Amino acid sequence: MISAEEIVFIFCNSEYIIKGWKDFYMKFTNSACEIFFSIIGYNKKKTQAIVEMGNTYASLGGEGSLIFLKLDNNEWKIVKAVHTWIS
């Protein structure tokens, strides 16, 4: 796991985004990409949820989706995933 502060440090202290990715892979040598999740949104009964998930692996490489979930027998299940962006 990597903190948001560390991601900002790696990428914002690099003169170019490409250098930021080089620094990222030098520090995290076994990583394939950066995966991120938004804050989870729930309905009032907390039986449905939505979260954004994305991954990036280069300055122009990545994708993201909205994930819709439903609570079924005390277990969260994916109802639908909608691809929202690609780079």
Protein backbone atom coordinates (compact mmCIF):
# COMPACT_ATOMS: atom_id res chain seq x y z
CA MET A 1 0.00 0.00 0.00
CA ILE A 2 1.13 3.51 -0.76
CA SER A 3 -0.32 6.69 0.68
CA ALA A 4 -1.77 9.52 -1.36
CA GLU A 5 0.96 11.75 0.08
CA GLU A 6 3.66 9.46 -1.29
CA ILE A 7 2.03 9.40 -4.75
CA VAL A 8 1.92 13.20 -4.72
CA PHE A 9 5.56 13.33 -3.63
CA ILE A 10 6.71 11.00 -6.42
CA PHE A 11 4.77 12.65 -9.22
CA CYS A 12 4.71 16.30 -8.16
CA ASN A 13 8.43 16.45 -7.42
CA SER A 14 9.26 15.14 -10.89
CA GLU A 15 9.89 17.67 -13.62
CA TYR A 16 8.01 15.49 -16.09
CA ILE A 17 5.27 12.88 -15.58
CA ILE A 18 7.41 10.28 -17.41
CA LYS A 19 10.16 10.78 -14.79
CA GLY A 20 7.53 10.32 -12.09
CA TRP A 21 6.64 6.91 -13.50
CA LYS A 22 10.33 5.96 -13.70
CA ASP A 23 10.73 6.98 -10.04
CA PHE A 24 7.59 5.01 -9.11
CA TYR A 25 8.85 1.80 -10.74
CA MET A 26 12.35 2.26 -9.27
CA LYS A 27 10.87 2.51 -5.77
CA PHE A 28 8.18 -0.16 -6.25
CA THR A 29 10.02 -2.65 -8.44
CA ASN A 30 7.38 -5.40 -8.23
CA SER A 31 4.47 -3.12 -9.12
CA ALA A 32 2.46 -3.49 -12.30
CA CYS A 33 0.42 -0.31 -11.83
CA GLU A 34 -1.18 2.10 -9.40
CA ILE A 35 -4.72 1.07 -8.39
CA PHE A 36 -7.02 3.53 -6.70
CA PHE A 37 -10.52 3.58 -5.24
CA SER A 38 -12.82 6.48 -4.46
CA ILE A 39 -14.73 6.89 -1.23
CA ILE A 40 -17.67 4.46 -1.21
CA GLY A 41 -21.16 5.92 -1.58
CA TYR A 42 -24.11 4.08 0.00
CA ASN A 43 -27.88 4.32 -0.25
CA LYS A 44 -29.76 5.23 2.97
CA LYS A 45 -30.32 1.58 3.94
CA LYS A 46 -26.67 0.69 3.19
CA THR A 47 -27.80 -2.15 0.94
CA GLN A 48 -26.34 -0.67 -2.26
CA ALA A 49 -23.03 1.00 -2.92
CA ILE A 50 -21.03 2.65 -5.69
CA VAL A 51 -17.27 3.10 -5.91
CA GLU A 52 -14.90 4.29 -8.61
CA MET A 53 -11.92 2.08 -9.33
CA GLY A 54 -9.05 2.88 -11.65
CA ASN A 55 -5.54 1.91 -12.48
CA THR A 56 -2.69 3.70 -14.18
CA TYR A 57 0.59 2.25 -15.34
CA ALA A 58 2.13 5.03 -17.43
CA SER A 59 1.64 8.71 -18.27
CA LEU A 60 -0.92 7.78 -20.94
CA GLY A 61 -1.90 4.32 -19.77
CA GLY A 62 -4.80 3.43 -17.56
CA GLU A 63 -8.53 2.90 -17.22
CA GLY A 64 -11.36 3.44 -14.78
CA SER A 65 -14.79 2.09 -13.95
CA LEU A 66 -17.77 2.72 -11.70
CA ILE A 67 -18.61 -0.38 -9.68
CA PHE A 68 -22.18 -0.89 -8.49
CA LEU A 69 -22.61 -3.28 -5.55
CA LYS A 70 -25.53 -4.82 -3.69
CA LEU A 71 -25.60 -6.38 -0.22
CA ASP A 72 -26.91 -9.94 -0.57
CA ASN A 73 -26.98 -12.26 2.48
CA ASN A 74 -24.41 -10.08 4.29
CA GLU A 75 -22.05 -10.26 1.32
CA TRP A 76 -21.28 -7.47 -1.14
CA LYS A 77 -21.70 -8.54 -4.76
CA ILE A 78 -20.90 -6.63 -7.93
CA VAL A 79 -24.10 -5.86 -9.82
CA LYS A 80 -22.55 -3.92 -12.67
CA ALA A 81 -19.28 -2.35 -13.72
CA VAL A 82 -19.34 0.58 -16.14
CA HIS A 83 -16.12 1.44 -17.90
CA THR A 84 -15.81 5.25 -17.67
CA TRP A 85 -12.41 6.19 -19.08
CA ILE A 86 -9.32 4.87 -20.82
CA SER A 87 -5.99 6.46 -21.62
